[in-house]
């Protein structure tokens, strides 16, 4: 199992959400698009898209990237993803305007990361070379792509047996074994394995 249970917690985003903003009305925003894959409780793939509202100007310091290059995406997890909060410093974003006690470091860090971290709709978000996570700026330019989280098999192994593994190397180096394990876990899931 993972050392940080937060990485595998469930998303708090409503399943039917189409626009996400963690601080609605608190600052001017620009609309970004996240395109990603999630796995349902029944093990099926879902292709997803959602609009994210990041602070206005966030796109300027983020450079265009190719598939597999994270760019401004810091991390993808089961529950969603986060951008690098350092970008906020580059656009002179005032995190202090969200903090009620300027001497409370925990509160400040919570909001600093909260502005750029989003729970996404979906039961188990995956991000692998075969199912990449994409983040597009308001002009439609790819500014983030993540491929180092969990494969479809990785999500299944967690759903069926609570095992935290990505299986990226297995999929790349031994695709037949990957497929065999995938078929086994899908069958187990259909037969009612926990």
C-alpha atoms as a PDB file:
ATOM      1  CA  UNK A   1       0.000   0.000   0.000  1.00  0.00           C
ATOM      2  CA  UNK A   2       1.006   3.580  -0.449  1.00  0.00           C
ATOM      3  CA  UNK A   3       2.647   5.612   2.282  1.00  0.00           C
ATOM      4  CA  UNK A   4       0.176   8.450   1.751  1.00  0.00           C
ATOM      5  CA  UNK A   5      -3.491   7.380   1.827  1.00  0.00           C
ATOM      6  CA  UNK A   6      -4.489  10.788   0.425  1.00  0.00           C
ATOM      7  CA  UNK A   7      -3.231   9.737  -3.013  1.00  0.00           C
ATOM      8  CA  UNK A   8      -5.931   7.058  -3.210  1.00  0.00           C
ATOM      9  CA  UNK A   9      -8.849   8.803  -1.546  1.00  0.00           C
ATOM     10  CA  UNK A  10     -12.089   9.192  -3.497  1.00  0.00           C
ATOM     11  CA  UNK A  11     -12.846  12.401  -5.331  1.00  0.00           C
ATOM     12  CA  UNK A  12     -15.240  14.864  -3.742  1.00  0.00           C
ATOM     13  CA  UNK A  13     -16.253  16.350  -7.126  1.00  0.00           C
ATOM     14  CA  UNK A  14     -19.840  15.705  -8.188  1.00  0.00           C
ATOM     15  CA  UNK A  15     -19.893  13.089 -10.932  1.00  0.00           C
ATOM     16  CA  UNK A  16     -21.855  15.384 -13.242  1.00  0.00           C
ATOM     17  CA  UNK A  17     -19.694  18.513 -12.702  1.00  0.00           C
ATOM     18  CA  UNK A  18     -18.722  20.334 -15.893  1.00  0.00           C
ATOM     19  CA  UNK A  19     -17.008  23.432 -14.409  1.00  0.00           C
ATOM     20  CA  UNK A  20     -14.746  23.386 -11.344  1.00  0.00           C
ATOM     21  CA  UNK A  21     -13.584  26.390  -9.320  1.00  0.00           C
ATOM     22  CA  UNK A  22     -12.346  25.928  -5.755  1.00  0.00           C
ATOM     23  CA  UNK A  23     -12.865  29.610  -4.865  1.00  0.00           C
ATOM     24  CA  UNK A  24     -15.769  30.878  -6.990  1.00  0.00           C
ATOM     25  CA  UNK A  25     -16.067  34.653  -7.025  1.00  0.00           C
ATOM     26  CA  UNK A  26     -12.799  35.304  -5.166  1.00  0.00           C
ATOM     27  CA  UNK A  27     -10.580  36.243  -8.140  1.00  0.00           C
ATOM     28  CA  UNK A  28     -10.747  36.646 -11.923  1.00  0.00           C
ATOM     29  CA  UNK A  29     -10.344  33.342 -13.757  1.00  0.00           C
ATOM     30  CA  UNK A  30      -9.608  31.779 -17.117  1.00  0.00           C
ATOM     31  CA  UNK A  31     -11.090  28.517 -18.360  1.00  0.00           C
ATOM     32  CA  UNK A  32      -8.811  25.513 -18.878  1.00  0.00           C
ATOM     33  CA  UNK A  33      -9.875  22.077 -20.131  1.00  0.00           C
ATOM     34  CA  UNK A  34      -8.830  18.796 -18.530  1.00  0.00           C
ATOM     35  CA  UNK A  35      -9.266  15.664 -20.652  1.00  0.00           C
ATOM     36  CA  UNK A  36      -8.637  12.402 -18.877  1.00  0.00           C
ATOM     37  CA  UNK A  37      -9.694   8.814 -18.276  1.00  0.00           C
ATOM     38  CA  UNK A  38     -11.306   7.376 -15.189  1.00  0.00           C
ATOM     39  CA  UNK A  39     -12.282   3.846 -14.244  1.00  0.00           C
ATOM     40  CA  UNK A  40     -15.752   3.113 -12.882  1.00  0.00           C
ATOM     41  CA  UNK A  41     -16.477   0.937  -9.843  1.00  0.00           C
ATOM     42  CA  UNK A  42     -17.295  -1.797 -12.366  1.00  0.00           C
ATOM     43  CA  UNK A  43     -13.855  -1.490 -13.963  1.00  0.00           C
ATOM     44  CA  UNK A  44     -14.953   0.203 -17.193  1.00  0.00           C
ATOM     45  CA  UNK A  45     -13.074   3.104 -18.793  1.00  0.00           C
ATOM     46  CA  UNK A  46     -14.713   6.521 -19.063  1.00  0.00           C
ATOM     47  CA  UNK A  47     -13.307   9.331 -21.165  1.00  0.00           C
ATOM     48  CA  UNK A  48     -13.887  12.608 -19.312  1.00  0.00           C
ATOM     49  CA  UNK A  49     -13.622  16.343 -19.914  1.00  0.00           C
ATOM     50  CA  UNK A  50     -14.154  19.184 -17.470  1.00  0.00           C
ATOM     51  CA  UNK A  51     -13.566  22.953 -17.446  1.00  0.00           C
ATOM     52  CA  UNK A  52     -11.279  24.232 -14.687  1.00  0.00           C
ATOM     53  CA  UNK A  53     -11.151  27.844 -13.620  1.00  0.00           C
ATOM     54  CA  UNK A  54      -7.609  28.879 -12.762  1.00  0.00           C
ATOM     55  CA  UNK A  55      -6.533  32.432 -11.870  1.00  0.00           C
ATOM     56  CA  UNK A  56      -6.393  34.806 -14.819  1.00  0.00           C
ATOM     57  CA  UNK A  57      -2.893  34.894 -16.306  1.00  0.00           C
ATOM     58  CA  UNK A  58      -2.021  31.334 -15.238  1.00  0.00           C
ATOM     59  CA  UNK A  59      -1.514  30.318 -18.865  1.00  0.00           C
ATOM     60  CA  UNK A  60       1.207  32.897 -19.569  1.00  0.00           C
ATOM     61  CA  UNK A  61       4.154  31.302 -17.688  1.00  0.00           C
ATOM     62  CA  UNK A  62       3.081  27.745 -18.615  1.00  0.00           C
ATOM     63  CA  UNK A  63       4.903  26.610 -21.740  1.00  0.00           C
ATOM     64  CA  UNK A  64       3.385  24.352 -24.436  1.00  0.00           C
ATOM     65  CA  UNK A  65       4.322  20.679 -24.047  1.00  0.00           C
ATOM     66  CA  UNK A  66       4.093  17.388 -25.890  1.00  0.00           C
ATOM     67  CA  UNK A  67       2.289  14.273 -24.712  1.00  0.00           C
ATOM     68  CA  UNK A  68       4.012  12.758 -21.689  1.00  0.00           C
ATOM     69  CA  UNK A  69       5.652  16.012 -20.564  1.00  0.00           C
ATOM     70  CA  UNK A  70       4.073  17.325 -17.364  1.00  0.00           C
ATOM     71  CA  UNK A  71       4.461  21.036 -18.088  1.00  0.00           C
ATOM     72  CA  UNK A  72       2.459  22.845 -15.413  1.00  0.00           C
ATOM     73  CA  UNK A  73       0.862  19.606 -14.122  1.00  0.00           C
ATOM     74  CA  UNK A  74       2.516  18.623 -10.847  1.00  0.00           C
ATOM     75  CA  UNK A  75       0.623  15.429 -10.081  1.00  0.00           C
ATOM     76  CA  UNK A  76      -2.330  13.209 -10.986  1.00  0.00           C
ATOM     77  CA  UNK A  77      -3.962  11.054  -8.332  1.00  0.00           C
ATOM     78  CA  UNK A  78      -7.080   8.895  -8.009  1.00  0.00           C
ATOM     79  CA  UNK A  79      -9.111  11.916  -6.908  1.00  0.00           C
ATOM     80  CA  UNK A  80      -7.855  14.452  -9.470  1.00  0.00           C
ATOM     81  CA  UNK A  81      -4.765  16.533 -10.178  1.00  0.00           C
ATOM     82  CA  UNK A  82      -2.715  19.540  -9.196  1.00  0.00           C
ATOM     83  CA  UNK A  83      -0.716  22.151 -11.056  1.00  0.00           C
ATOM     84  CA  UNK A  84       2.539  23.602  -9.774  1.00  0.00           C
ATOM     85  CA  UNK A  85       1.562  26.306  -7.269  1.00  0.00           C
ATOM     86  CA  UNK A  86       4.803  28.149  -8.018  1.00  0.00           C
ATOM     87  CA  UNK A  87       3.071  29.465 -11.146  1.00  0.00           C
ATOM     88  CA  UNK A  88       0.964  31.606  -8.792  1.00  0.00           C
ATOM     89  CA  UNK A  89       4.147  33.410  -7.706  1.00  0.00           C
ATOM     90  CA  UNK A  90       5.044  34.090 -11.344  1.00  0.00           C
ATOM     91  CA  UNK A  91       1.701  35.818 -11.966  1.00  0.00           C
ATOM     92  CA  UNK A  92       1.779  37.696  -8.634  1.00  0.00           C
ATOM     93  CA  UNK A  93      -1.365  35.967  -7.409  1.00  0.00           C
ATOM     94  CA  UNK A  94      -2.343  37.208  -3.938  1.00  0.00           C
ATOM     95  CA  UNK A  95      -2.962  34.076  -1.855  1.00  0.00           C
ATOM     96  CA  UNK A  96      -3.170  36.297   1.243  1.00  0.00           C
ATOM     97  CA  UNK A  97      -6.573  37.538   0.037  1.00  0.00           C
ATOM     98  CA  UNK A  98      -7.947  34.026   0.735  1.00  0.00           C
ATOM     99  CA  UNK A  99      -6.415  33.692   4.210  1.00  0.00           C
ATOM    100  CA  UNK A 100      -8.241  34.890   7.324  1.00  0.00           C
ATOM    101  CA  UNK A 101      -5.159  34.666   9.589  1.00  0.00           C
ATOM    102  CA  UNK A 102      -1.925  35.765   7.841  1.00  0.00           C
ATOM    103  CA  UNK A 103       0.181  34.135  10.583  1.00  0.00           C
ATOM    104  CA  UNK A 104      -1.403  30.704  10.090  1.00  0.00           C
ATOM    105  CA  UNK A 105       1.028  28.807   7.843  1.00  0.00           C
ATOM    106  CA  UNK A 106      -1.259  25.782   7.541  1.00  0.00           C
ATOM    107  CA  UNK A 107      -4.119  27.940   6.308  1.00  0.00           C
ATOM    108  CA  UNK A 108      -1.832  29.758   3.876  1.00  0.00           C
ATOM    109  CA  UNK A 109      -0.463  26.487   2.416  1.00  0.00           C
ATOM    110  CA  UNK A 110      -3.958  24.997   2.206  1.00  0.00           C
ATOM    111  CA  UNK A 111      -5.114  27.887   0.024  1.00  0.00           C
ATOM    112  CA  UNK A 112      -1.835  28.082  -1.928  1.00  0.00           C
ATOM    113  CA  UNK A 113      -2.303  24.492  -3.071  1.00  0.00           C
ATOM    114  CA  UNK A 114      -6.107  24.725  -3.096  1.00  0.00           C
ATOM    115  CA  UNK A 115      -6.164  27.279  -5.914  1.00  0.00           C
ATOM    116  CA  UNK A 116      -4.343  24.877  -8.276  1.00  0.00           C
ATOM    117  CA  UNK A 117      -5.509  21.452  -7.066  1.00  0.00           C
ATOM    118  CA  UNK A 118      -8.785  19.961  -8.283  1.00  0.00           C
ATOM    119  CA  UNK A 119     -10.867  16.943  -7.402  1.00  0.00           C
ATOM    120  CA  UNK A 120     -12.208  15.629 -10.709  1.00  0.00           C
ATOM    121  CA  UNK A 121     -15.412  13.761 -11.543  1.00  0.00           C
ATOM    122  CA  UNK A 122     -14.809  10.023 -11.756  1.00  0.00           C
ATOM    123  CA  UNK A 123     -14.357   7.026  -9.487  1.00  0.00           C
ATOM    124  CA  UNK A 124     -10.633   6.398 -10.158  1.00  0.00           C
ATOM    125  CA  UNK A 125      -8.648   8.808 -12.365  1.00  0.00           C
ATOM    126  CA  UNK A 126      -5.824   7.110 -14.279  1.00  0.00           C
ATOM    127  CA  UNK A 127      -2.894   8.580 -16.214  1.00  0.00           C
ATOM    128  CA  UNK A 128      -0.558   6.309 -18.153  1.00  0.00           C
ATOM    129  CA  UNK A 129       1.159   6.228 -21.565  1.00  0.00           C
ATOM    130  CA  UNK A 130      -1.941   4.567 -23.055  1.00  0.00           C
ATOM    131  CA  UNK A 131      -4.414   6.802 -21.189  1.00  0.00           C
ATOM    132  CA  UNK A 132      -2.716  10.205 -20.720  1.00  0.00           C
ATOM    133  CA  UNK A 133      -4.031  13.131 -18.719  1.00  0.00           C
ATOM    134  CA  UNK A 134      -4.208  16.360 -20.784  1.00  0.00           C
ATOM    135  CA  UNK A 135      -4.506  19.961 -19.615  1.00  0.00           C
ATOM    136  CA  UNK A 136      -5.278  22.657 -22.198  1.00  0.00           C
ATOM    137  CA  UNK A 137      -5.081  26.405 -21.645  1.00  0.00           C
ATOM    138  CA  UNK A 138      -7.867  28.812 -22.721  1.00  0.00           C
ATOM    139  CA  UNK A 139      -6.437  28.987 -26.271  1.00  0.00           C
ATOM    140  CA  UNK A 140      -6.555  25.186 -26.586  1.00  0.00           C
ATOM    141  CA  UNK A 141      -2.778  24.730 -26.266  1.00  0.00           C
ATOM    142  CA  UNK A 142      -1.538  21.646 -24.422  1.00  0.00           C
ATOM    143  CA  UNK A 143       0.204  22.963 -21.299  1.00  0.00           C
ATOM    144  CA  UNK A 144       0.307  19.754 -19.264  1.00  0.00           C
ATOM    145  CA  UNK A 145       0.325  16.020 -19.868  1.00  0.00           C
ATOM    146  CA  UNK A 146       0.802  13.325 -17.246  1.00  0.00           C
ATOM    147  CA  UNK A 147       1.526   9.640 -17.899  1.00  0.00           C
ATOM    148  CA  UNK A 148       3.079   8.364 -14.640  1.00  0.00           C
ATOM    149  CA  UNK A 149       0.163   7.563 -12.358  1.00  0.00           C
ATOM    150  CA  UNK A 150      -1.959   4.396 -12.720  1.00  0.00           C
ATOM    151  CA  UNK A 151      -2.864   2.239 -15.706  1.00  0.00           C
ATOM    152  CA  UNK A 152      -6.290   0.692 -16.179  1.00  0.00           C
ATOM    153  CA  UNK A 153      -4.866  -2.475 -14.561  1.00  0.00           C
ATOM    154  CA  UNK A 154      -3.536  -0.361 -11.689  1.00  0.00           C
ATOM    155  CA  UNK A 155      -7.036   0.931 -10.982  1.00  0.00           C
ATOM    156  CA  UNK A 156      -8.488  -2.589 -11.189  1.00  0.00           C
ATOM    157  CA  UNK A 157      -5.903  -4.019  -8.798  1.00  0.00           C
ATOM    158  CA  UNK A 158      -6.841  -1.343  -6.266  1.00  0.00           C
ATOM    159  CA  UNK A 159     -10.596  -1.798  -6.750  1.00  0.00           C
ATOM    160  CA  UNK A 160     -10.430  -5.590  -6.495  1.00  0.00           C
ATOM    161  CA  UNK A 161      -7.689  -6.119  -3.932  1.00  0.00           C
ATOM    162  CA  UNK A 162      -6.534  -2.785  -2.512  1.00  0.00           C
ATOM    163  CA  UNK A 163      -3.123  -3.130  -4.190  1.00  0.00           C
ATOM    164  CA  UNK A 164      -1.404   0.156  -5.036  1.00  0.00           C
ATOM    165  CA  UNK A 165       0.693  -0.375  -8.187  1.00  0.00           C
ATOM    166  CA  UNK A 166       0.889   1.381 -11.538  1.00  0.00           C
ATOM    167  CA  UNK A 167       1.849  -1.510 -13.939  1.00  0.00           C
ATOM    168  CA  UNK A 168       3.296   0.951 -16.475  1.00  0.00           C
ATOM    169  CA  UNK A 169       6.505  -1.060 -16.880  1.00  0.00           C
ATOM    170  CA  UNK A 170       4.602  -4.350 -17.117  1.00  0.00           C
ATOM    171  CA  UNK A 171       2.374  -2.935 -19.848  1.00  0.00           C
ATOM    172  CA  UNK A 172       5.357  -1.636 -21.824  1.00  0.00           C
ATOM    173  CA  UNK A 173       7.642  -4.658 -21.440  1.00  0.00           C
ATOM    174  CA  UNK A 174       5.250  -7.618 -21.222  1.00  0.00           C
ATOM    175  CA  UNK A 175       1.923  -6.632 -22.783  1.00  0.00           C
ATOM    176  CA  UNK A 176       0.655 -10.234 -22.925  1.00  0.00           C
ATOM    177  CA  UNK A 177       1.112 -10.676 -19.163  1.00  0.00           C
ATOM    178  CA  UNK A 178      -0.463  -7.274 -18.571  1.00  0.00           C
ATOM    179  CA  UNK A 179      -3.495  -8.342 -20.620  1.00  0.00           C
ATOM    180  CA  UNK A 180      -3.726 -11.655 -18.786  1.00  0.00           C
ATOM    181  CA  UNK A 181      -3.720  -9.898 -15.399  1.00  0.00           C
ATOM    182  CA  UNK A 182      -6.238  -7.370 -16.695  1.00  0.00           C
ATOM    183  CA  UNK A 183      -8.609 -10.114 -17.879  1.00  0.00           C
ATOM    184  CA  UNK A 184      -8.276 -11.951 -14.565  1.00  0.00           C
ATOM    185  CA  UNK A 185      -9.146  -8.871 -12.511  1.00  0.00           C
ATOM    186  CA  UNK A 186     -12.052  -7.878 -14.773  1.00  0.00           C
ATOM    187  CA  UNK A 187     -13.465 -11.377 -14.357  1.00  0.00           C
ATOM    188  CA  UNK A 188     -12.987 -11.191 -10.583  1.00  0.00           C
ATOM    189  CA  UNK A 189     -14.774  -7.859 -10.530  1.00  0.00           C
ATOM    190  CA  UNK A 190     -17.694  -9.218 -12.546  1.00  0.00           C
ATOM    191  CA  UNK A 191     -17.951 -12.168 -10.170  1.00  0.00           C
ATOM    192  CA  UNK A 192     -18.255  -9.817  -7.214  1.00  0.00           C
ATOM    193  CA  UNK A 193     -14.766  -9.631  -5.730  1.00  0.00           C
ATOM    194  CA  UNK A 194     -14.557  -6.815  -3.156  1.00  0.00           C
END
